[in-house]
Amino acid sequence: MPLGEKRRKALDALLAVTLKLPHSDATGDKYAAVAGVRQALRKKKLGGQGAGDADMWILSSAIEHGLPLMTHDSELVQLGRAMNHPTLTNLPDLREDNPVLPPTRSGTAG
């Protein structure tokens, strides 16, 4: 179903300011590491084991590019933290463990 003109312009505006991360062989290597941690969490029946494959690609890209991850998916939060990757959320049960990030160039936390 084609988008209306107004919706198409809104989508184009969003895509214009969206960070697009390239995938490389390194992304695949990070994915393998994330998959290994997810498998270990499954064996131990710990949080993070339910993160989906697409979520693992997102986490792998964030790790590869050294970017913090912000998500409202509790499984992805727990997997990111199990990887010792800065993972932020506003989920009530998990936000108290948000990492403190260094200020960005604009002077605000990233």
C-alpha atoms as a PDB file:
ATOM      1  CA  MET A   1       0.000   0.000   0.000  1.00  0.00           C
ATOM      2  CA  PRO A   2       1.605   3.276  -1.073  1.00  0.00           C
ATOM      3  CA  LEU A   3       2.139   6.049   1.455  1.00  0.00           C
ATOM      4  CA  GLY A   4       0.275   9.316   1.148  1.00  0.00           C
ATOM      5  CA  GLU A   5       2.322  12.409   0.344  1.00  0.00           C
ATOM      6  CA  LYS A   6       2.233  13.719   3.935  1.00  0.00           C
ATOM      7  CA  ARG A   7       3.334  10.368   5.414  1.00  0.00           C
ATOM      8  CA  ARG A   8       6.053   9.995   2.785  1.00  0.00           C
ATOM      9  CA  LYS A   9       7.473  13.439   3.633  1.00  0.00           C
ATOM     10  CA  ALA A  10       7.423  12.580   7.352  1.00  0.00           C
ATOM     11  CA  LEU A  11       9.252   9.312   6.645  1.00  0.00           C
ATOM     12  CA  ASP A  12      11.815  11.079   4.461  1.00  0.00           C
ATOM     13  CA  ALA A  13      12.419  13.660   7.223  1.00  0.00           C
ATOM     14  CA  LEU A  14      12.939  10.906   9.780  1.00  0.00           C
ATOM     15  CA  LEU A  15      15.344   9.001   7.532  1.00  0.00           C
ATOM     16  CA  ALA A  16      17.317  12.197   6.876  1.00  0.00           C
ATOM     17  CA  VAL A  17      18.269  12.465  10.566  1.00  0.00           C
ATOM     18  CA  THR A  18      18.626   8.753  11.287  1.00  0.00           C
ATOM     19  CA  LEU A  19      22.065   7.309  11.911  1.00  0.00           C
ATOM     20  CA  LYS A  20      22.707   4.560   9.396  1.00  0.00           C
ATOM     21  CA  LEU A  21      25.421   2.098  10.409  1.00  0.00           C
ATOM     22  CA  PRO A  22      27.118   0.008   7.736  1.00  0.00           C
ATOM     23  CA  HIS A  23      27.396  -3.725   8.255  1.00  0.00           C
ATOM     24  CA  SER A  24      30.777  -5.331   7.694  1.00  0.00           C
ATOM     25  CA  ASP A  25      32.567  -8.563   8.491  1.00  0.00           C
ATOM     26  CA  ALA A  26      33.223  -7.065  11.927  1.00  0.00           C
ATOM     27  CA  THR A  27      29.459  -6.781  12.470  1.00  0.00           C
ATOM     28  CA  GLY A  28      29.171 -10.507  11.836  1.00  0.00           C
ATOM     29  CA  ASP A  29      31.976 -11.189  14.299  1.00  0.00           C
ATOM     30  CA  LYS A  30      30.204  -9.109  16.957  1.00  0.00           C
ATOM     31  CA  TYR A  31      26.960 -10.930  16.169  1.00  0.00           C
ATOM     32  CA  ALA A  32      28.659 -14.270  16.806  1.00  0.00           C
ATOM     33  CA  ALA A  33      29.844 -13.028  20.203  1.00  0.00           C
ATOM     34  CA  VAL A  34      26.368 -11.727  21.080  1.00  0.00           C
ATOM     35  CA  ALA A  35      24.823 -15.039  19.991  1.00  0.00           C
ATOM     36  CA  GLY A  36      27.248 -16.890  22.256  1.00  0.00           C
ATOM     37  CA  VAL A  37      26.265 -14.785  25.249  1.00  0.00           C
ATOM     38  CA  ARG A  38      22.563 -15.235  24.458  1.00  0.00           C
ATOM     39  CA  GLN A  39      23.082 -19.000  24.303  1.00  0.00           C
ATOM     40  CA  ALA A  40      24.853 -18.956  27.690  1.00  0.00           C
ATOM     41  CA  LEU A  41      21.955 -16.946  29.152  1.00  0.00           C
ATOM     42  CA  ARG A  42      19.505 -19.524  27.770  1.00  0.00           C
ATOM     43  CA  LYS A  43      21.404 -22.358  29.435  1.00  0.00           C
ATOM     44  CA  LYS A  44      21.303 -20.501  32.754  1.00  0.00           C
ATOM     45  CA  LYS A  45      17.684 -19.361  32.193  1.00  0.00           C
ATOM     46  CA  LEU A  46      18.659 -15.710  32.759  1.00  0.00           C
ATOM     47  CA  GLY A  47      17.228 -12.475  31.397  1.00  0.00           C
ATOM     48  CA  GLY A  48      18.423 -11.588  27.927  1.00  0.00           C
ATOM     49  CA  GLN A  49      17.922 -15.080  26.576  1.00  0.00           C
ATOM     50  CA  GLY A  50      14.761 -14.011  24.750  1.00  0.00           C
ATOM     51  CA  ALA A  51      16.332 -11.264  22.652  1.00  0.00           C
ATOM     52  CA  GLY A  52      15.426 -11.747  19.003  1.00  0.00           C
ATOM     53  CA  ASP A  53      17.805 -12.185  16.100  1.00  0.00           C
ATOM     54  CA  ALA A  54      17.089  -8.680  14.759  1.00  0.00           C
ATOM     55  CA  ASP A  55      17.776  -7.244  18.221  1.00  0.00           C
ATOM     56  CA  MET A  56      21.115  -9.030  18.230  1.00  0.00           C
ATOM     57  CA  TRP A  57      22.063  -7.323  14.955  1.00  0.00           C
ATOM     58  CA  ILE A  58      21.199  -3.942  16.485  1.00  0.00           C
ATOM     59  CA  LEU A  59      23.319  -4.709  19.558  1.00  0.00           C
ATOM     60  CA  SER A  60      26.161  -6.012  17.374  1.00  0.00           C
ATOM     61  CA  SER A  61      26.191  -2.781  15.368  1.00  0.00           C
ATOM     62  CA  ALA A  62      26.190  -0.654  18.533  1.00  0.00           C
ATOM     63  CA  ILE A  63      29.111  -2.670  19.920  1.00  0.00           C
ATOM     64  CA  GLU A  64      31.054  -2.489  16.651  1.00  0.00           C
ATOM     65  CA  HIS A  65      30.676   1.276  16.384  1.00  0.00           C
ATOM     66  CA  GLY A  66      31.154   1.975  20.096  1.00  0.00           C
ATOM     67  CA  LEU A  67      27.708   3.500  20.509  1.00  0.00           C
ATOM     68  CA  PRO A  68      25.493   3.174  23.584  1.00  0.00           C
ATOM     69  CA  LEU A  69      22.209   1.391  23.039  1.00  0.00           C
ATOM     70  CA  MET A  70      18.838   2.676  24.197  1.00  0.00           C
ATOM     71  CA  THR A  71      15.911   0.292  24.113  1.00  0.00           C
ATOM     72  CA  HIS A  72      12.616  -0.436  25.772  1.00  0.00           C
ATOM     73  CA  ASP A  73      12.916  -4.172  25.140  1.00  0.00           C
ATOM     74  CA  SER A  74      13.785  -5.742  28.497  1.00  0.00           C
ATOM     75  CA  GLU A  75      15.398  -8.797  26.907  1.00  0.00           C
ATOM     76  CA  LEU A  76      17.671  -6.599  24.781  1.00  0.00           C
ATOM     77  CA  VAL A  77      18.536  -4.432  27.802  1.00  0.00           C
ATOM     78  CA  GLN A  78      19.585  -7.502  29.748  1.00  0.00           C
ATOM     79  CA  LEU A  79      21.538  -8.975  26.823  1.00  0.00           C
ATOM     80  CA  GLY A  80      23.354  -5.671  26.225  1.00  0.00           C
ATOM     81  CA  ARG A  81      24.270  -5.455  29.878  1.00  0.00           C
ATOM     82  CA  ALA A  82      25.394  -9.080  29.892  1.00  0.00           C
ATOM     83  CA  MET A  83      27.760  -8.043  27.078  1.00  0.00           C
ATOM     84  CA  ASN A  84      29.013  -5.198  29.332  1.00  0.00           C
ATOM     85  CA  HIS A  85      27.791  -2.741  26.725  1.00  0.00           C
ATOM     86  CA  PRO A  86      26.316   0.622  27.820  1.00  0.00           C
ATOM     87  CA  THR A  87      22.601  -0.073  27.505  1.00  0.00           C
ATOM     88  CA  LEU A  88      20.016   2.444  28.648  1.00  0.00           C
ATOM     89  CA  THR A  89      16.293   2.109  29.173  1.00  0.00           C
ATOM     90  CA  ASN A  90      13.384   3.854  30.787  1.00  0.00           C
ATOM     91  CA  LEU A  91      11.765   0.580  31.851  1.00  0.00           C
ATOM     92  CA  PRO A  92      10.928   0.961  35.561  1.00  0.00           C
ATOM     93  CA  ASP A  93      12.485  -2.345  36.643  1.00  0.00           C
ATOM     94  CA  LEU A  94      15.746  -1.745  34.765  1.00  0.00           C
ATOM     95  CA  ARG A  95      16.396   1.992  34.582  1.00  0.00           C
ATOM     96  CA  GLU A  96      18.097   2.268  37.961  1.00  0.00           C
ATOM     97  CA  ASP A  97      21.017   0.312  36.465  1.00  0.00           C
ATOM     98  CA  ASN A  98      21.451   2.696  33.526  1.00  0.00           C
ATOM     99  CA  PRO A  99      25.115   3.523  32.999  1.00  0.00           C
ATOM    100  CA  VAL A 100      26.329   7.082  33.437  1.00  0.00           C
ATOM    101  CA  LEU A 101      27.574   8.217  30.063  1.00  0.00           C
ATOM    102  CA  PRO A 102      30.245  10.880  29.542  1.00  0.00           C
ATOM    103  CA  PRO A 103      29.055  14.252  28.246  1.00  0.00           C
ATOM    104  CA  THR A 104      28.880  14.681  24.482  1.00  0.00           C
ATOM    105  CA  ARG A 105      30.380  17.602  22.618  1.00  0.00           C
ATOM    106  CA  SER A 106      27.129  19.531  23.115  1.00  0.00           C
ATOM    107  CA  GLY A 107      27.595  19.183  26.877  1.00  0.00           C
ATOM    108  CA  THR A 108      24.724  16.770  27.512  1.00  0.00           C
ATOM    109  CA  ALA A 109      24.926  13.069  28.292  1.00  0.00           C
ATOM    110  CA  GLY A 110      24.677  10.962  25.161  1.00  0.00           C
END
